[in-house]
Amino acid sequence: MNPVPKMLIFLGILLVAFGLLWHFGGRFFNLGRLPGDIVIEKENFKFYFPVVTSILISVVLSLLLYLFRLFR
């Protein structure tokens, strides 16, 4: 059987879960506004780069994919 449909369904569920975490995570986990995130504000300019948030998401996704490969 072709594994592509199962992988697409898994990725869709993962994207929905990530979207819900991002939406509700801002209220409960302060996701996106962690210490270490870079914010530069000037009069007509605002630059925001979530360094620590990106690293945290990368670690969590790497761990999830490792566990997925381990149990597959």
Protein backbone atom coordinates (compact mmCIF):
# COMPACT_ATOMS: atom_id res chain seq x y z
CA MET A 1 0.00 0.00 0.00
CA ASN A 2 1.18 3.50 -0.79
CA PRO A 3 2.36 5.37 2.39
CA VAL A 4 1.82 8.85 0.87
CA PRO A 5 -1.89 9.22 1.88
CA LYS A 6 -1.12 8.23 5.48
CA MET A 7 1.78 10.70 5.60
CA LEU A 8 -0.42 13.50 4.20
CA ILE A 9 -3.11 12.81 6.79
CA PHE A 10 -0.48 12.80 9.56
CA LEU A 11 0.99 16.09 8.32
CA GLY A 12 -2.49 17.63 8.15
CA ILE A 13 -3.24 16.61 11.73
CA LEU A 14 0.16 17.92 12.80
CA LEU A 15 -0.48 21.28 11.11
CA VAL A 16 -3.91 21.60 12.74
CA ALA A 17 -2.42 20.76 16.15
CA PHE A 18 0.37 23.27 15.60
CA GLY A 19 -2.13 25.96 14.59
CA LEU A 20 -4.25 25.33 17.67
CA LEU A 21 -1.16 25.41 19.88
CA TRP A 22 -0.05 28.68 18.29
CA HIS A 23 -3.52 30.23 18.66
CA PHE A 24 -4.22 29.12 22.22
CA GLY A 25 -0.57 28.92 23.27
CA GLY A 26 -0.28 32.69 23.27
CA ARG A 27 -2.82 32.87 26.07
CA PHE A 28 -1.49 30.07 28.23
CA PHE A 29 2.19 29.49 27.41
CA ASN A 30 3.24 32.97 26.25
CA LEU A 31 4.37 31.32 23.02
CA GLY A 32 5.90 33.84 20.66
CA ARG A 33 6.85 36.24 23.43
CA LEU A 34 9.54 34.29 25.24
CA PRO A 35 12.66 35.85 26.76
CA GLY A 36 15.30 35.97 24.06
CA ASP A 37 12.94 36.85 21.21
CA ILE A 38 14.23 39.91 19.37
CA VAL A 39 11.97 42.97 19.19
CA ILE A 40 13.20 46.28 17.74
CA GLU A 41 10.74 49.17 17.79
CA LYS A 42 11.32 52.56 16.18
CA GLU A 43 8.88 55.32 15.30
CA ASN A 44 7.52 53.86 12.04
CA PHE A 45 9.14 50.44 12.16
CA LYS A 46 8.77 47.28 14.21
CA PHE A 47 10.98 44.22 13.71
CA TYR A 48 10.14 40.99 15.52
CA PHE A 49 12.13 37.77 15.27
CA PRO A 50 11.15 34.93 17.66
CA VAL A 51 14.56 33.26 18.09
CA VAL A 52 13.82 31.28 21.27
CA THR A 53 10.32 30.36 20.12
CA SER A 54 11.75 29.00 16.85
CA ILE A 55 14.35 26.94 18.71
CA LEU A 56 11.70 25.57 21.09
CA ILE A 57 9.38 24.59 18.23
CA SER A 58 12.28 22.99 16.38
CA VAL A 59 13.25 20.89 19.41
CA VAL A 60 9.65 19.76 20.01
CA LEU A 61 9.09 18.84 16.35
CA SER A 62 12.43 17.00 16.20
CA LEU A 63 11.48 15.02 19.30
CA LEU A 64 8.05 14.17 17.88
CA LEU A 65 9.51 13.03 14.56
CA TYR A 66 12.14 10.96 16.38
CA LEU A 67 9.43 9.24 18.43
CA PHE A 68 7.36 8.71 15.28
CA ARG A 69 10.33 7.01 13.57
CA LEU A 70 11.13 5.01 16.71
CA PHE A 71 7.64 3.48 16.96
CA ARG A 72 7.13 3.05 13.25
